[in-house]
C-alpha atoms as a PDB file:
ATOM      1  CA  UNK A   1      76.512 115.685 128.903  1.00  0.00           C
ATOM      2  CA  UNK A   2      79.176 114.144 126.630  1.00  0.00           C
ATOM      3  CA  UNK A   3      77.482 112.330 123.497  1.00  0.00           C
ATOM      4  CA  UNK A   4      78.395 109.122 122.848  1.00  0.00           C
ATOM      5  CA  UNK A   5      78.025 109.365 119.078  1.00  0.00           C
ATOM      6  CA  UNK A   6      80.620 108.474 116.882  1.00  0.00           C
ATOM      7  CA  UNK A   7      81.887 110.772 113.958  1.00  0.00           C
ATOM      8  CA  UNK A   8      80.451 109.713 110.508  1.00  0.00           C
ATOM      9  CA  UNK A   9      83.878 109.172 109.515  1.00  0.00           C
ATOM     10  CA  UNK A  10      83.826 106.164 111.918  1.00  0.00           C
ATOM     11  CA  UNK A  11      80.806 104.336 110.801  1.00  0.00           C
ATOM     12  CA  UNK A  12      82.220 102.190 108.077  1.00  0.00           C
ATOM     13  CA  UNK A  13      84.846 100.638 110.542  1.00  0.00           C
ATOM     14  CA  UNK A  14      82.327 100.202 113.180  1.00  0.00           C
ATOM     15  CA  UNK A  15      79.871  98.601 110.811  1.00  0.00           C
ATOM     16  CA  UNK A  16      82.765  96.261 109.474  1.00  0.00           C
ATOM     17  CA  UNK A  17      83.595  95.202 113.123  1.00  0.00           C
ATOM     18  CA  UNK A  18      79.792  94.682 114.124  1.00  0.00           C
ATOM     19  CA  UNK A  19      79.206  92.502 110.658  1.00  0.00           C
ATOM     20  CA  UNK A  20      82.318  90.491 111.511  1.00  0.00           C
ATOM     21  CA  UNK A  21      81.005  89.925 115.102  1.00  0.00           C
ATOM     22  CA  UNK A  22      77.716  88.871 113.975  1.00  0.00           C
ATOM     23  CA  UNK A  23      78.982  86.361 111.263  1.00  0.00           C
ATOM     24  CA  UNK A  24      81.390  85.105 114.126  1.00  0.00           C
ATOM     25  CA  UNK A  25      78.180  84.146 116.157  1.00  0.00           C
ATOM     26  CA  UNK A  26      76.070  82.850 113.521  1.00  0.00           C
ATOM     27  CA  UNK A  27      78.956  80.970 112.125  1.00  0.00           C
ATOM     28  CA  UNK A  28      79.429  79.263 115.727  1.00  0.00           C
ATOM     29  CA  UNK A  29      75.504  78.572 116.228  1.00  0.00           C
ATOM     30  CA  UNK A  30      74.657  77.448 112.721  1.00  0.00           C
ATOM     31  CA  UNK A  31      77.219  76.477 110.382  1.00  0.00           C
ATOM     32  CA  UNK A  32      77.353  72.849 110.218  1.00  0.00           C
ATOM     33  CA  UNK A  33      80.659  70.660 110.563  1.00  0.00           C
ATOM     34  CA  UNK A  34      81.444  69.142 107.330  1.00  0.00           C
ATOM     35  CA  UNK A  35      83.817  66.453 108.772  1.00  0.00           C
ATOM     36  CA  UNK A  36      83.808  64.402 111.769  1.00  0.00           C
ATOM     37  CA  UNK A  37      86.022  65.343 114.970  1.00  0.00           C
ATOM     38  CA  UNK A  38      87.057  63.560 118.100  1.00  0.00           C
ATOM     39  CA  UNK A  39      85.051  65.995 120.314  1.00  0.00           C
ATOM     40  CA  UNK A  40      82.357  68.700 120.228  1.00  0.00           C
ATOM     41  CA  UNK A  41      82.049  71.273 122.853  1.00  0.00           C
ATOM     42  CA  UNK A  42      79.136  73.546 124.086  1.00  0.00           C
ATOM     43  CA  UNK A  43      79.789  77.218 122.470  1.00  0.00           C
ATOM     44  CA  UNK A  44      78.645  79.342 125.282  1.00  0.00           C
ATOM     45  CA  UNK A  45      81.974  79.944 126.408  1.00  0.00           C
ATOM     46  CA  UNK A  46      83.374  80.910 123.267  1.00  0.00           C
ATOM     47  CA  UNK A  47      80.190  82.927 122.400  1.00  0.00           C
ATOM     48  CA  UNK A  48      80.982  84.786 125.766  1.00  0.00           C
ATOM     49  CA  UNK A  49      84.299  85.301 124.748  1.00  0.00           C
ATOM     50  CA  UNK A  50      83.319  87.041 121.478  1.00  0.00           C
ATOM     51  CA  UNK A  51      80.558  89.324 123.031  1.00  0.00           C
ATOM     52  CA  UNK A  52      82.886  90.375 125.822  1.00  0.00           C
ATOM     53  CA  UNK A  53      85.437  91.342 123.192  1.00  0.00           C
ATOM     54  CA  UNK A  54      82.704  93.136 121.113  1.00  0.00           C
ATOM     55  CA  UNK A  55      81.345  95.077 124.047  1.00  0.00           C
ATOM     56  CA  UNK A  56      85.101  96.027 124.940  1.00  0.00           C
ATOM     57  CA  UNK A  57      85.431  97.326 121.497  1.00  0.00           C
ATOM     58  CA  UNK A  58      82.204  99.274 121.502  1.00  0.00           C
ATOM     59  CA  UNK A  59      83.023 101.064 124.997  1.00  0.00           C
ATOM     60  CA  UNK A  60      86.568 101.625 123.864  1.00  0.00           C
ATOM     61  CA  UNK A  61      85.713 103.392 120.555  1.00  0.00           C
ATOM     62  CA  UNK A  62      83.348 105.603 122.207  1.00  0.00           C
ATOM     63  CA  UNK A  63      85.673 106.562 124.779  1.00  0.00           C
ATOM     64  CA  UNK A  64      88.604 106.997 122.690  1.00  0.00           C
ATOM     65  CA  UNK A  65      87.416 107.593 119.129  1.00  0.00           C
ATOM     66  CA  UNK A  66      90.611 105.734 117.927  1.00  0.00           C
ATOM     67  CA  UNK A  67      90.153 104.013 114.650  1.00  0.00           C
ATOM     68  CA  UNK A  68      92.730 101.623 115.662  1.00  0.00           C
ATOM     69  CA  UNK A  69      90.219  99.984 118.018  1.00  0.00           C
ATOM     70  CA  UNK A  70      88.028  99.195 114.816  1.00  0.00           C
ATOM     71  CA  UNK A  71      91.239  97.730 113.210  1.00  0.00           C
ATOM     72  CA  UNK A  72      92.150  95.516 116.080  1.00  0.00           C
ATOM     73  CA  UNK A  73      88.322  94.287 116.398  1.00  0.00           C
ATOM     74  CA  UNK A  74      88.570  93.312 112.551  1.00  0.00           C
ATOM     75  CA  UNK A  75      91.414  91.613 112.756  1.00  0.00           C
ATOM     76  CA  UNK A  76      90.538  89.591 115.812  1.00  0.00           C
ATOM     77  CA  UNK A  77      86.957  88.826 114.390  1.00  0.00           C
ATOM     78  CA  UNK A  78      88.453  87.811 111.077  1.00  0.00           C
ATOM     79  CA  UNK A  79      90.876  85.606 112.738  1.00  0.00           C
ATOM     80  CA  UNK A  80      88.141  83.939 114.666  1.00  0.00           C
ATOM     81  CA  UNK A  81      85.908  83.317 111.467  1.00  0.00           C
ATOM     82  CA  UNK A  82      88.842  81.849 109.698  1.00  0.00           C
ATOM     83  CA  UNK A  83      89.834  79.404 112.532  1.00  0.00           C
ATOM     84  CA  UNK A  84      86.061  78.398 113.003  1.00  0.00           C
ATOM     85  CA  UNK A  85      85.695  77.829 109.243  1.00  0.00           C
ATOM     86  CA  UNK A  86      88.986  75.944 109.038  1.00  0.00           C
ATOM     87  CA  UNK A  87      87.800  73.669 111.779  1.00  0.00           C
ATOM     88  CA  UNK A  88      84.391  72.876 110.688  1.00  0.00           C
ATOM     89  CA  UNK A  89      85.439  72.547 106.909  1.00  0.00           C
ATOM     90  CA  UNK A  90      88.000  69.934 107.771  1.00  0.00           C
ATOM     91  CA  UNK A  91      90.943  72.021 107.057  1.00  0.00           C
ATOM     92  CA  UNK A  92      92.274  71.324 110.501  1.00  0.00           C
ATOM     93  CA  UNK A  93      92.555  67.769 110.960  1.00  0.00           C
ATOM     94  CA  UNK A  94      94.842  67.358 114.210  1.00  0.00           C
ATOM     95  CA  UNK A  95      92.020  67.853 117.012  1.00  0.00           C
ATOM     96  CA  UNK A  96      94.779  67.113 119.742  1.00  0.00           C
ATOM     97  CA  UNK A  97      97.272  69.886 118.401  1.00  0.00           C
ATOM     98  CA  UNK A  98      94.561  72.639 117.196  1.00  0.00           C
ATOM     99  CA  UNK A  99      91.416  72.535 119.010  1.00  0.00           C
ATOM    100  CA  UNK A 100      88.279  74.279 117.944  1.00  0.00           C
ATOM    101  CA  UNK A 101      87.600  77.634 119.523  1.00  0.00           C
ATOM    102  CA  UNK A 102      84.567  76.438 121.436  1.00  0.00           C
ATOM    103  CA  UNK A 103      86.996  73.399 122.766  1.00  0.00           C
ATOM    104  CA  UNK A 104      89.584  75.985 123.716  1.00  0.00           C
ATOM    105  CA  UNK A 105      87.415  78.358 125.582  1.00  0.00           C
ATOM    106  CA  UNK A 106      85.333  75.391 126.954  1.00  0.00           C
ATOM    107  CA  UNK A 107      88.419  74.701 129.306  1.00  0.00           C
ATOM    108  CA  UNK A 108      87.586  77.772 131.382  1.00  0.00           C
ATOM    109  CA  UNK A 109      84.185  75.872 132.054  1.00  0.00           C
ATOM    110  CA  UNK A 110      85.676  72.742 132.819  1.00  0.00           C
ATOM    111  CA  UNK A 111      88.247  73.797 135.199  1.00  0.00           C
ATOM    112  CA  UNK A 112      87.465  77.262 136.848  1.00  0.00           C
ATOM    113  CA  UNK A 113      88.708  76.304 139.909  1.00  0.00           C
ATOM    114  CA  UNK A 114      91.992  75.101 139.119  1.00  0.00           C
ATOM    115  CA  UNK A 115      92.759  78.033 136.680  1.00  0.00           C
ATOM    116  CA  UNK A 116      91.508  80.546 139.262  1.00  0.00           C
ATOM    117  CA  UNK A 117      93.875  78.824 142.073  1.00  0.00           C
ATOM    118  CA  UNK A 118      96.876  78.719 139.633  1.00  0.00           C
ATOM    119  CA  UNK A 119      96.414  82.504 138.570  1.00  0.00           C
ATOM    120  CA  UNK A 120      96.129  83.469 142.338  1.00  0.00           C
ATOM    121  CA  UNK A 121      99.262  81.391 143.176  1.00  0.00           C
ATOM    122  CA  UNK A 122     101.140  83.087 140.504  1.00  0.00           C
ATOM    123  CA  UNK A 123      99.928  86.612 141.606  1.00  0.00           C
ATOM    124  CA  UNK A 124     101.286  85.830 145.156  1.00  0.00           C
ATOM    125  CA  UNK A 125     104.719  84.699 143.820  1.00  0.00           C
ATOM    126  CA  UNK A 126     104.924  87.683 141.806  1.00  0.00           C
ATOM    127  CA  UNK A 127     103.722  90.088 144.853  1.00  0.00           C
ATOM    128  CA  UNK A 128     106.314  89.020 147.102  1.00  0.00           C
ATOM    129  CA  UNK A 129     109.027  88.878 144.520  1.00  0.00           C
ATOM    130  CA  UNK A 130     108.153  92.141 143.407  1.00  0.00           C
ATOM    131  CA  UNK A 131     107.829  93.951 146.533  1.00  0.00           C
ATOM    132  CA  UNK A 132     111.121  92.492 148.079  1.00  0.00           C
ATOM    133  CA  UNK A 133     112.785  93.781 144.992  1.00  0.00           C
ATOM    134  CA  UNK A 134     111.515  97.123 144.809  1.00  0.00           C
ATOM    135  CA  UNK A 135     112.168  98.002 148.522  1.00  0.00           C
ATOM    136  CA  UNK A 136     115.950  96.454 148.590  1.00  0.00           C
ATOM    137  CA  UNK A 137     116.443  98.005 145.014  1.00  0.00           C
ATOM    138  CA  UNK A 138     115.323 101.546 145.932  1.00  0.00           C
ATOM    139  CA  UNK A 139     116.953 101.789 149.323  1.00  0.00           C
ATOM    140  CA  UNK A 140     120.292 100.229 147.781  1.00  0.00           C
ATOM    141  CA  UNK A 141     119.822 102.558 144.865  1.00  0.00           C
ATOM    142  CA  UNK A 142     119.332 105.630 146.872  1.00  0.00           C
ATOM    143  CA  UNK A 143     122.661 104.814 148.883  1.00  0.00           C
ATOM    144  CA  UNK A 144     124.540 104.100 145.650  1.00  0.00           C
ATOM    145  CA  UNK A 145     123.532 107.356 144.353  1.00  0.00           C
ATOM    146  CA  UNK A 146     124.230 109.165 147.257  1.00  0.00           C
ATOM    147  CA  UNK A 147     127.829 107.577 147.999  1.00  0.00           C
ATOM    148  CA  UNK A 148     130.328 107.666 145.112  1.00  0.00           C
ATOM    149  CA  UNK A 149     132.272 104.585 146.260  1.00  0.00           C
ATOM    150  CA  UNK A 150     129.200 102.549 146.702  1.00  0.00           C
ATOM    151  CA  UNK A 151     127.916 103.530 143.324  1.00  0.00           C
ATOM    152  CA  UNK A 152     131.270 102.740 141.549  1.00  0.00           C
ATOM    153  CA  UNK A 153     131.306  99.174 142.661  1.00  0.00           C
ATOM    154  CA  UNK A 154     127.714  98.190 142.137  1.00  0.00           C
ATOM    155  CA  UNK A 155     126.842 100.056 139.144  1.00  0.00           C
ATOM    156  CA  UNK A 156     129.182  98.244 136.789  1.00  0.00           C
ATOM    157  CA  UNK A 157     128.121  95.069 138.238  1.00  0.00           C
ATOM    158  CA  UNK A 158     124.635  95.664 137.702  1.00  0.00           C
ATOM    159  CA  UNK A 159     125.340  96.544 134.005  1.00  0.00           C
ATOM    160  CA  UNK A 160     126.800  93.003 133.739  1.00  0.00           C
ATOM    161  CA  UNK A 161     123.905  91.392 135.490  1.00  0.00           C
ATOM    162  CA  UNK A 162     121.062  92.912 133.748  1.00  0.00           C
ATOM    163  CA  UNK A 163     122.333  91.532 130.510  1.00  0.00           C
ATOM    164  CA  UNK A 164     121.862  88.158 131.818  1.00  0.00           C
ATOM    165  CA  UNK A 165     118.050  86.811 131.622  1.00  0.00           C
ATOM    166  CA  UNK A 166     116.690  86.080 134.945  1.00  0.00           C
ATOM    167  CA  UNK A 167     115.620  82.576 133.971  1.00  0.00           C
ATOM    168  CA  UNK A 168     119.069  81.689 133.340  1.00  0.00           C
ATOM    169  CA  UNK A 169     119.746  81.805 137.245  1.00  0.00           C
ATOM    170  CA  UNK A 170     116.784  79.298 137.568  1.00  0.00           C
ATOM    171  CA  UNK A 171     118.709  76.178 137.530  1.00  0.00           C
ATOM    172  CA  UNK A 172     121.268  77.425 140.288  1.00  0.00           C
ATOM    173  CA  UNK A 173     118.652  78.958 142.271  1.00  0.00           C
ATOM    174  CA  UNK A 174     116.756  75.793 142.656  1.00  0.00           C
ATOM    175  CA  UNK A 175     119.865  74.409 144.372  1.00  0.00           C
ATOM    176  CA  UNK A 176     120.308  77.030 146.632  1.00  0.00           C
ATOM    177  CA  UNK A 177     116.707  77.587 148.028  1.00  0.00           C
ATOM    178  CA  UNK A 178     114.734  74.797 149.659  1.00  0.00           C
ATOM    179  CA  UNK A 179     111.857  74.997 147.696  1.00  0.00           C
ATOM    180  CA  UNK A 180     110.830  75.573 144.167  1.00  0.00           C
ATOM    181  CA  UNK A 181     108.510  78.296 145.380  1.00  0.00           C
ATOM    182  CA  UNK A 182     111.327  80.243 147.090  1.00  0.00           C
ATOM    183  CA  UNK A 183     113.264  79.587 143.612  1.00  0.00           C
ATOM    184  CA  UNK A 184     110.441  81.270 141.762  1.00  0.00           C
ATOM    185  CA  UNK A 185     110.277  84.325 143.996  1.00  0.00           C
ATOM    186  CA  UNK A 186     114.175  84.608 143.889  1.00  0.00           C
ATOM    187  CA  UNK A 187     113.917  84.774 139.719  1.00  0.00           C
ATOM    188  CA  UNK A 188     111.314  87.523 140.028  1.00  0.00           C
ATOM    189  CA  UNK A 189     113.542  89.366 142.333  1.00  0.00           C
ATOM    190  CA  UNK A 190     116.473  89.218 140.056  1.00  0.00           C
ATOM    191  CA  UNK A 191     114.073  90.521 137.285  1.00  0.00           C
ATOM    192  CA  UNK A 192     113.002  93.478 139.277  1.00  0.00           C
ATOM    193  CA  UNK A 193     115.716  94.411 141.564  1.00  0.00           C
ATOM    194  CA  UNK A 194     118.370  95.499 139.041  1.00  0.00           C
ATOM    195  CA  UNK A 195     116.308  97.819 136.797  1.00  0.00           C
ATOM    196  CA  UNK A 196     115.012  99.418 140.143  1.00  0.00           C
ATOM    197  CA  UNK A 197     118.325  99.651 141.599  1.00  0.00           C
ATOM    198  CA  UNK A 198     119.803 101.277 138.146  1.00  0.00           C
ATOM    199  CA  UNK A 199     116.711 103.554 137.808  1.00  0.00           C
ATOM    200  CA  UNK A 200     117.110 105.227 141.254  1.00  0.00           C
ATOM    201  CA  UNK A 201     120.837 105.470 141.027  1.00  0.00           C
ATOM    202  CA  UNK A 202     120.097 107.532 137.423  1.00  0.00           C
ATOM    203  CA  UNK A 203     117.573 109.513 139.350  1.00  0.00           C
ATOM    204  CA  UNK A 204     119.777 110.673 142.140  1.00  0.00           C
ATOM    205  CA  UNK A 205     122.722 111.798 139.659  1.00  0.00           C
ATOM    206  CA  UNK A 206     119.974 114.161 138.038  1.00  0.00           C
ATOM    207  CA  UNK A 207     119.560 115.968 141.381  1.00  0.00           C
ATOM    208  CA  UNK A 208     120.925 119.722 141.037  1.00  0.00           C
ATOM    209  CA  UNK A 209     124.105 119.680 143.116  1.00  0.00           C
ATOM    210  CA  UNK A 210     123.316 123.212 143.933  1.00  0.00           C
ATOM    211  CA  UNK A 211     120.126 122.287 145.794  1.00  0.00           C
ATOM    212  CA  UNK A 212     122.031 119.745 147.750  1.00  0.00           C
ATOM    213  CA  UNK A 213     124.652 122.241 148.900  1.00  0.00           C
ATOM    214  CA  UNK A 214     121.869 124.694 149.777  1.00  0.00           C
ATOM    215  CA  UNK A 215     120.149 122.389 151.865  1.00  0.00           C
ATOM    216  CA  UNK A 216     123.597 121.363 153.684  1.00  0.00           C
ATOM    217  CA  UNK A 217     124.259 124.940 154.525  1.00  0.00           C
ATOM    218  CA  UNK A 218     120.675 125.291 156.119  1.00  0.00           C
ATOM    219  CA  UNK A 219     121.763 122.588 158.771  1.00  0.00           C
ATOM    220  CA  UNK A 220     119.801 119.516 156.800  1.00  0.00           C
ATOM    221  CA  UNK A 221     121.711 116.286 157.796  1.00  0.00           C
ATOM    222  CA  UNK A 222     122.338 113.207 155.514  1.00  0.00           C
ATOM    223  CA  UNK A 223     119.364 111.318 156.944  1.00  0.00           C
ATOM    224  CA  UNK A 224     116.834 114.211 156.309  1.00  0.00           C
ATOM    225  CA  UNK A 225     118.411 114.942 152.827  1.00  0.00           C
ATOM    226  CA  UNK A 226     117.637 111.241 151.920  1.00  0.00           C
ATOM    227  CA  UNK A 227     114.431 110.818 153.245  1.00  0.00           C
ATOM    228  CA  UNK A 228     112.783 114.588 152.902  1.00  0.00           C
ATOM    229  CA  UNK A 229     114.611 115.837 149.778  1.00  0.00           C
ATOM    230  CA  UNK A 230     116.223 113.056 147.635  1.00  0.00           C
ATOM    231  CA  UNK A 231     113.340 110.352 147.915  1.00  0.00           C
ATOM    232  CA  UNK A 232     110.265 112.464 146.981  1.00  0.00           C
ATOM    233  CA  UNK A 233     112.417 113.954 144.028  1.00  0.00           C
ATOM    234  CA  UNK A 234     113.254 110.362 143.069  1.00  0.00           C
ATOM    235  CA  UNK A 235     109.734 108.820 143.456  1.00  0.00           C
ATOM    236  CA  UNK A 236     108.133 109.554 140.124  1.00  0.00           C
ATOM    237  CA  UNK A 237     111.362 107.860 138.549  1.00  0.00           C
ATOM    238  CA  UNK A 238     110.746 104.841 140.996  1.00  0.00           C
ATOM    239  CA  UNK A 239     107.368 104.453 139.812  1.00  0.00           C
ATOM    240  CA  UNK A 240     108.547 104.593 136.013  1.00  0.00           C
ATOM    241  CA  UNK A 241     111.149 101.837 136.899  1.00  0.00           C
ATOM    242  CA  UNK A 242     108.751  99.686 138.752  1.00  0.00           C
ATOM    243  CA  UNK A 243     106.152  99.879 135.997  1.00  0.00           C
ATOM    244  CA  UNK A 244     108.673  98.829 133.378  1.00  0.00           C
ATOM    245  CA  UNK A 245     110.035  95.828 135.371  1.00  0.00           C
ATOM    246  CA  UNK A 246     106.618  94.827 136.057  1.00  0.00           C
ATOM    247  CA  UNK A 247     105.969  94.096 132.293  1.00  0.00           C
ATOM    248  CA  UNK A 248     108.600  91.355 132.196  1.00  0.00           C
ATOM    249  CA  UNK A 249     108.332  90.113 135.599  1.00  0.00           C
ATOM    250  CA  UNK A 250     105.128  88.153 135.215  1.00  0.00           C
ATOM    251  CA  UNK A 251     106.599  86.361 132.185  1.00  0.00           C
ATOM    252  CA  UNK A 252     109.738  85.340 134.110  1.00  0.00           C
ATOM    253  CA  UNK A 253     107.562  83.933 136.702  1.00  0.00           C
ATOM    254  CA  UNK A 254     105.568  81.962 134.059  1.00  0.00           C
ATOM    255  CA  UNK A 255     108.779  80.219 133.198  1.00  0.00           C
ATOM    256  CA  UNK A 256     110.210  79.842 136.440  1.00  0.00           C
ATOM    257  CA  UNK A 257     106.886  77.931 137.547  1.00  0.00           C
ATOM    258  CA  UNK A 258     107.555  75.624 134.835  1.00  0.00           C
ATOM    259  CA  UNK A 259     110.675  74.387 136.527  1.00  0.00           C
ATOM    260  CA  UNK A 260     108.910  72.262 139.163  1.00  0.00           C
ATOM    261  CA  UNK A 261     106.741  74.478 141.560  1.00  0.00           C
ATOM    262  CA  UNK A 262     103.206  72.715 141.922  1.00  0.00           C
ATOM    263  CA  UNK A 263     101.170  75.820 141.778  1.00  0.00           C
ATOM    264  CA  UNK A 264     100.694  78.833 139.184  1.00  0.00           C
ATOM    265  CA  UNK A 265      99.877  79.255 135.614  1.00  0.00           C
ATOM    266  CA  UNK A 266     103.381  78.202 134.365  1.00  0.00           C
ATOM    267  CA  UNK A 267     102.697  74.971 136.357  1.00  0.00           C
ATOM    268  CA  UNK A 268      99.217  74.427 134.746  1.00  0.00           C
ATOM    269  CA  UNK A 269     100.650  74.862 131.038  1.00  0.00           C
ATOM    270  CA  UNK A 270     103.354  72.392 131.820  1.00  0.00           C
ATOM    271  CA  UNK A 271     101.401  69.716 133.675  1.00  0.00           C
ATOM    272  CA  UNK A 272      98.938  69.597 130.684  1.00  0.00           C
ATOM    273  CA  UNK A 273     101.696  69.661 128.209  1.00  0.00           C
ATOM    274  CA  UNK A 274     102.960  66.445 129.822  1.00  0.00           C
ATOM    275  CA  UNK A 275      99.653  64.983 129.335  1.00  0.00           C
ATOM    276  CA  UNK A 276      99.534  66.071 125.752  1.00  0.00           C
ATOM    277  CA  UNK A 277      96.300  68.001 126.346  1.00  0.00           C
ATOM    278  CA  UNK A 278      97.256  71.005 124.359  1.00  0.00           C
ATOM    279  CA  UNK A 279      93.937  72.410 124.554  1.00  0.00           C
ATOM    280  CA  UNK A 280      94.426  72.996 128.193  1.00  0.00           C
ATOM    281  CA  UNK A 281      97.999  74.213 127.322  1.00  0.00           C
ATOM    282  CA  UNK A 282      96.368  76.779 124.814  1.00  0.00           C
ATOM    283  CA  UNK A 283      94.078  77.955 127.599  1.00  0.00           C
ATOM    284  CA  UNK A 284      96.946  78.486 129.915  1.00  0.00           C
ATOM    285  CA  UNK A 285      98.711  80.536 127.423  1.00  0.00           C
ATOM    286  CA  UNK A 286      95.555  82.636 126.828  1.00  0.00           C
ATOM    287  CA  UNK A 287      95.296  83.305 130.635  1.00  0.00           C
ATOM    288  CA  UNK A 288      98.796  84.463 130.543  1.00  0.00           C
ATOM    289  CA  UNK A 289      98.148  86.816 127.683  1.00  0.00           C
ATOM    290  CA  UNK A 290      95.015  88.428 129.708  1.00  0.00           C
ATOM    291  CA  UNK A 291      96.914  88.597 132.864  1.00  0.00           C
ATOM    292  CA  UNK A 292      99.807  90.485 131.271  1.00  0.00           C
ATOM    293  CA  UNK A 293      97.519  92.625 129.158  1.00  0.00           C
ATOM    294  CA  UNK A 294      95.893  93.738 132.319  1.00  0.00           C
ATOM    295  CA  UNK A 295      99.145  94.261 133.906  1.00  0.00           C
ATOM    296  CA  UNK A 296     100.293  96.457 130.951  1.00  0.00           C
ATOM    297  CA  UNK A 297      97.129  98.618 131.157  1.00  0.00           C
ATOM    298  CA  UNK A 298      97.621  99.350 134.603  1.00  0.00           C
ATOM    299  CA  UNK A 299     101.193 100.088 134.047  1.00  0.00           C
ATOM    300  CA  UNK A 300     100.348 102.496 131.211  1.00  0.00           C
ATOM    301  CA  UNK A 301      97.753 104.329 133.399  1.00  0.00           C
ATOM    302  CA  UNK A 302     100.298 104.758 136.354  1.00  0.00           C
ATOM    303  CA  UNK A 303     103.034 106.023 134.004  1.00  0.00           C
ATOM    304  CA  UNK A 304     100.377 108.809 132.666  1.00  0.00           C
ATOM    305  CA  UNK A 305      99.732 109.671 135.843  1.00  0.00           C
ATOM    306  CA  UNK A 306     103.431 110.172 137.029  1.00  0.00           C
ATOM    307  CA  UNK A 307     103.969 111.948 133.755  1.00  0.00           C
ATOM    308  CA  UNK A 308     101.087 114.399 134.520  1.00  0.00           C
ATOM    309  CA  UNK A 309     102.528 114.756 138.178  1.00  0.00           C
ATOM    310  CA  UNK A 310     105.940 115.495 136.952  1.00  0.00           C
ATOM    311  CA  UNK A 311     104.502 118.189 134.302  1.00  0.00           C
END
């Protein structure tokens, strides 16, 4: 059974991160306010966030044995200590613009159903836009990579379009589509389609021509070549291009949701910005950060699996 004990060289960093976590909790629970504020919030949600972050750190450092995990924990807990002290000592006077840590994370206690519904709405839009883009980009890229004339027409066009940020199309897409939801899906489509298409074309171009000629001499038709030969060869490249596109797709979606759609985490941020409720705005930004981090971790896992597969 693998021991979960850390090497002795890690003890100092681990002790520092643990001490900062404890100071965070004690500071939150027992350190008094030296100035009056407009609102005070229960600290349960904030303590839960701190404890969750600490447990993730403990698990990560035991599984990976990387000192960078301790560095991240030290920076994170130090940031929260400075934020808490600045608020309680009165260095932060604008409660409306800069809430306390307790106030920020208490939003998730006040509005769990609303935030959950908006996150689900964002993921649904992301799913449909991403699915349509991957399927069509893969098919068209396969054909363009196989047929030179199609490639010569579409590849230069894609090189130009990919230089334009997908959100730049949003004002026009709103006029074309009948609903803001459809326009948001279209923004995701543009963010993912062209990188997927280009990755597929590049992968097909890497295929050894001698292998193709050998298959043809054995009587393999074009359809069989594409489905049974080229597509399986290109699959790792497809997965890599998909993973790269996924990183930016959610951020494009959040921006598209601010244009008028009435569901999604981008809409949540825009709505509370119009109410000047910046506590909720920051909570929405934190939610986007958490979701994109989870997506990025999933993408890294898929990419590492593909690399092992290719190797």
